[in-house]
Amino acid sequence: MDSFWDIWHRDYLAALRERQQIPHRRKRSTTKTPKEGDIVLMADDKLPRGQWPLGVLMKICYGQAMSQDQLLSERAQDDS
């Protein structure tokens, strides 16, 4: 029984640990440039991020730098 436990502990748990770590190696951000018609999260300081409403990107007003762009959106219609 001890032999089984040693093999299971060493091999199976190590395999589970490796499989769980693979998704975390991916980037958590993207370099995709937003475009009109994209679905976006509308930040709201009064709500937790998981409750932010979705919106549709209506217009992009380009500024001096790409990071300073203004994104104009309207709330997406809730079909439920």
N, C-alpha and C. Protein backbone atom coordinates (compact mmCIF):
# COMPACT_ATOMS: atom_id res chain seq x y z
N MET A 1 0.82 -1.19 0.00
CA MET A 1 0.00 0.00 0.00
C MET A 1 0.87 1.26 0.00
N ASP A 2 1.97 1.23 0.74
CA ASP A 2 2.86 2.39 0.77
C ASP A 2 3.46 2.66 -0.60
N SER A 3 3.75 1.59 -1.31
CA SER A 3 4.31 1.74 -2.66
C SER A 3 3.32 2.44 -3.58
N PHE A 4 2.06 2.02 -3.52
CA PHE A 4 1.01 2.65 -4.33
C PHE A 4 0.90 4.14 -4.00
N TRP A 5 0.86 4.45 -2.72
CA TRP A 5 0.74 5.84 -2.29
C TRP A 5 1.92 6.68 -2.79
N ASP A 6 3.11 6.16 -2.71
CA ASP A 6 4.29 6.89 -3.16
C ASP A 6 4.22 7.18 -4.65
N ILE A 7 3.86 6.18 -5.43
CA ILE A 7 3.76 6.37 -6.89
C ILE A 7 2.65 7.36 -7.22
N TRP A 8 1.48 7.20 -6.60
CA TRP A 8 0.35 8.09 -6.86
C TRP A 8 0.71 9.52 -6.48
N HIS A 9 1.29 9.69 -5.33
CA HIS A 9 1.64 11.02 -4.83
C HIS A 9 2.66 11.68 -5.75
N ARG A 10 3.65 10.92 -6.18
CA ARG A 10 4.73 11.47 -7.00
C ARG A 10 4.26 11.76 -8.43
N ASP A 11 3.58 10.82 -9.07
CA ASP A 11 3.26 10.94 -10.49
C ASP A 11 1.93 11.65 -10.75
N TYR A 12 0.88 11.20 -10.13
CA TYR A 12 -0.45 11.74 -10.41
C TYR A 12 -0.58 13.19 -9.95
N LEU A 13 -0.19 13.47 -8.73
CA LEU A 13 -0.31 14.83 -8.23
C LEU A 13 0.62 15.78 -8.99
N ALA A 14 1.78 15.31 -9.39
CA ALA A 14 2.68 16.15 -10.19
C ALA A 14 2.05 16.47 -11.55
N ALA A 15 1.39 15.48 -12.15
CA ALA A 15 0.73 15.70 -13.44
C ALA A 15 -0.40 16.72 -13.31
N LEU A 16 -1.18 16.62 -12.24
CA LEU A 16 -2.25 17.60 -12.02
C LEU A 16 -1.69 19.00 -11.83
N ARG A 17 -0.62 19.11 -11.10
CA ARG A 17 0.00 20.41 -10.84
C ARG A 17 0.50 21.03 -12.15
N GLU A 18 1.14 20.23 -13.00
CA GLU A 18 1.64 20.73 -14.28
C GLU A 18 0.49 21.16 -15.18
N ARG A 19 -0.59 20.39 -15.21
CA ARG A 19 -1.72 20.72 -16.07
C ARG A 19 -2.40 22.01 -15.61
N GLN A 20 -2.45 22.26 -14.33
CA GLN A 20 -3.07 23.48 -13.81
C GLN A 20 -2.23 24.71 -14.10
N GLN A 21 -0.93 24.56 -14.24
CA GLN A 21 -0.05 25.71 -14.44
C GLN A 21 0.00 26.16 -15.89
N ILE A 22 -0.35 25.33 -16.84
CA ILE A 22 -0.25 25.68 -18.25
C ILE A 22 -1.10 26.90 -18.62
N PRO A 23 -2.38 26.99 -18.24
CA PRO A 23 -3.17 28.17 -18.63
C PRO A 23 -2.63 29.48 -18.06
N HIS A 24 -1.92 29.43 -16.95
CA HIS A 24 -1.44 30.65 -16.33
C HIS A 24 -0.23 31.23 -17.03
N ARG A 25 0.33 30.51 -17.97
CA ARG A 25 1.48 31.02 -18.70
C ARG A 25 1.07 31.97 -19.81
N ARG A 26 -0.19 31.98 -20.17
CA ARG A 26 -0.68 32.85 -21.23
C ARG A 26 -0.77 34.29 -20.73
N LYS A 27 -0.68 35.21 -21.68
CA LYS A 27 -0.81 36.62 -21.32
C LYS A 27 -2.24 36.91 -20.89
N ARG A 28 -2.38 37.85 -19.99
CA ARG A 28 -3.71 38.23 -19.51
C ARG A 28 -4.21 39.48 -20.22
N SER A 29 -3.46 39.96 -21.18
CA SER A 29 -3.89 41.13 -21.93
C SER A 29 -3.71 40.86 -23.42
N THR A 30 -4.20 41.75 -24.22
CA THR A 30 -4.12 41.59 -25.66
C THR A 30 -3.66 42.89 -26.30
N THR A 31 -3.11 42.79 -27.48
CA THR A 31 -2.71 43.98 -28.22
C THR A 31 -3.73 44.31 -29.30
N LYS A 32 -4.88 43.66 -29.26
CA LYS A 32 -5.93 43.88 -30.25
C LYS A 32 -6.44 45.31 -30.13
N THR A 33 -6.48 46.02 -31.24
CA THR A 33 -6.98 47.39 -31.27
C THR A 33 -8.50 47.36 -31.32
N PRO A 34 -9.18 48.08 -30.43
CA PRO A 34 -10.64 48.09 -30.47
C PRO A 34 -11.15 48.77 -31.74
N LYS A 35 -12.31 48.31 -32.20
CA LYS A 35 -12.92 48.93 -33.38
C LYS A 35 -14.41 49.09 -33.15
N GLU A 36 -15.02 49.96 -33.93
CA GLU A 36 -16.45 50.22 -33.77
C GLU A 36 -17.24 48.92 -33.94
N GLY A 37 -18.23 48.75 -33.08
CA GLY A 37 -19.06 47.56 -33.10
C GLY A 37 -18.60 46.48 -32.13
N ASP A 38 -17.41 46.62 -31.55
CA ASP A 38 -16.91 45.65 -30.58
C ASP A 38 -17.73 45.70 -29.29
N ILE A 39 -17.88 44.56 -28.64
CA ILE A 39 -18.52 44.48 -27.33
C ILE A 39 -17.44 44.78 -26.29
N VAL A 40 -17.73 45.68 -25.36
CA VAL A 40 -16.75 46.10 -24.35
C VAL A 40 -17.38 46.07 -22.97
N LEU A 41 -16.53 46.01 -21.93
CA LEU A 41 -16.97 46.18 -20.56
C LEU A 41 -16.99 47.66 -20.25
N MET A 42 -18.05 48.14 -19.63
CA MET A 42 -18.15 49.54 -19.26
C MET A 42 -17.83 49.66 -17.77
N ALA A 43 -16.67 50.24 -17.47
CA ALA A 43 -16.20 50.36 -16.09
C ALA A 43 -17.16 51.22 -15.27
N ASP A 44 -17.42 50.78 -14.06
CA ASP A 44 -18.28 51.52 -13.13
C ASP A 44 -17.66 51.40 -11.75
N ASP A 45 -17.16 52.51 -11.21
CA ASP A 45 -16.48 52.50 -9.92
C ASP A 45 -17.39 52.06 -8.77
N LYS A 46 -18.69 52.12 -8.97
CA LYS A 46 -19.63 51.77 -7.91
C LYS A 46 -19.95 50.27 -7.87
N LEU A 47 -19.50 49.54 -8.90
CA LEU A 47 -19.80 48.11 -8.99
C LEU A 47 -18.52 47.30 -9.00
N PRO A 48 -18.57 46.05 -8.48
CA PRO A 48 -17.43 45.15 -8.65
C PRO A 48 -17.27 44.81 -10.14
N ARG A 49 -16.06 44.51 -10.56
CA ARG A 49 -15.78 44.28 -11.97
C ARG A 49 -16.68 43.19 -12.57
N GLY A 50 -17.00 42.19 -11.81
CA GLY A 50 -17.84 41.11 -12.32
C GLY A 50 -19.26 41.54 -12.65
N GLN A 51 -19.66 42.74 -12.21
CA GLN A 51 -21.01 43.23 -12.47
C GLN A 51 -21.03 44.41 -13.44
N TRP A 52 -19.89 44.75 -14.03
CA TRP A 52 -19.86 45.85 -15.00
C TRP A 52 -20.75 45.49 -16.19
N PRO A 53 -21.51 46.44 -16.70
CA PRO A 53 -22.37 46.16 -17.84
C PRO A 53 -21.56 46.06 -19.14
N LEU A 54 -22.14 45.37 -20.12
CA LEU A 54 -21.54 45.31 -21.45
C LEU A 54 -22.03 46.48 -22.28
N GLY A 55 -21.22 46.91 -23.21
CA GLY A 55 -21.59 47.99 -24.11
C GLY A 55 -21.11 47.67 -25.51
N VAL A 56 -21.61 48.42 -26.49
CA VAL A 56 -21.18 48.30 -27.87
C VAL A 56 -20.41 49.56 -28.22
N LEU A 57 -19.22 49.40 -28.76
CA LEU A 57 -18.36 50.52 -29.11
C LEU A 57 -18.96 51.24 -30.31
N MET A 58 -19.38 52.49 -30.11
CA MET A 58 -20.05 53.25 -31.16
C MET A 58 -19.09 54.14 -31.95
N LYS A 59 -18.12 54.76 -31.27
CA LYS A 59 -17.23 55.70 -31.93
C LYS A 59 -15.91 55.75 -31.19
N ILE A 60 -14.81 55.88 -31.93
CA ILE A 60 -13.49 56.03 -31.34
C ILE A 60 -12.97 57.41 -31.71
N CYS A 61 -12.66 58.21 -30.69
CA CYS A 61 -12.12 59.55 -30.92
C CYS A 61 -10.62 59.49 -30.65
N TYR A 62 -9.81 59.49 -31.70
CA TYR A 62 -8.36 59.34 -31.54
C TYR A 62 -7.75 60.61 -30.97
N GLY A 63 -6.88 60.43 -29.98
CA GLY A 63 -6.20 61.54 -29.33
C GLY A 63 -4.75 61.61 -29.76
N GLN A 64 -3.94 62.30 -28.96
CA GLN A 64 -2.51 62.45 -29.25
C GLN A 64 -1.80 61.11 -29.19
N ALA A 65 -2.17 60.28 -28.25
CA ALA A 65 -1.54 58.97 -28.10
C ALA A 65 -2.63 57.91 -28.07
N MET A 66 -2.30 56.73 -28.55
CA MET A 66 -3.28 55.65 -28.60
C MET A 66 -3.83 55.34 -27.21
N SER A 67 -3.01 55.50 -26.16
CA SER A 67 -3.47 55.19 -24.82
C SER A 67 -4.46 56.22 -24.29
N GLN A 68 -4.58 57.37 -24.96
CA GLN A 68 -5.48 58.41 -24.51
C GLN A 68 -6.75 58.48 -25.34
N ASP A 69 -6.99 57.46 -26.13
CA ASP A 69 -8.20 57.45 -26.96
C ASP A 69 -9.44 57.49 -26.08
N GLN A 70 -10.46 58.12 -26.60
CA GLN A 70 -11.75 58.11 -25.92
C GLN A 70 -12.63 57.12 -26.66
N LEU A 71 -13.21 56.20 -25.93
CA LEU A 71 -14.09 55.22 -26.52
C LEU A 71 -15.51 55.53 -26.10
N LEU A 72 -16.35 55.82 -27.06
CA LEU A 72 -17.75 56.12 -26.78
C LEU A 72 -18.57 54.86 -27.03
N SER A 73 -19.33 54.46 -26.03
CA SER A 73 -20.13 53.25 -26.17
C SER A 73 -21.49 53.46 -25.55
N GLU A 74 -22.40 52.58 -25.91
CA GLU A 74 -23.72 52.59 -25.28
C GLU A 74 -23.97 51.20 -24.73
N ARG A 75 -24.81 51.13 -23.72
CA ARG A 75 -25.08 49.84 -23.09
C ARG A 75 -25.69 48.87 -24.10
N ALA A 76 -25.24 47.64 -24.01
CA ALA A 76 -25.80 46.59 -24.86
C ALA A 76 -27.19 46.25 -24.34
N GLN A 77 -28.08 45.94 -25.25
CA GLN A 77 -29.44 45.57 -24.86
C GLN A 77 -29.41 44.18 -24.24
N ASP A 78 -30.07 44.03 -23.11
CA ASP A 78 -30.15 42.73 -22.44
C ASP A 78 -31.29 41.96 -23.07
N ASP A 79 -30.96 40.87 -23.77
CA ASP A 79 -31.96 40.08 -24.48
C ASP A 79 -32.69 39.09 -23.58
N SER A 80 -32.29 39.00 -22.31
CA SER A 80 -32.92 38.01 -21.43
C SER A 80 -34.24 38.47 -20.89
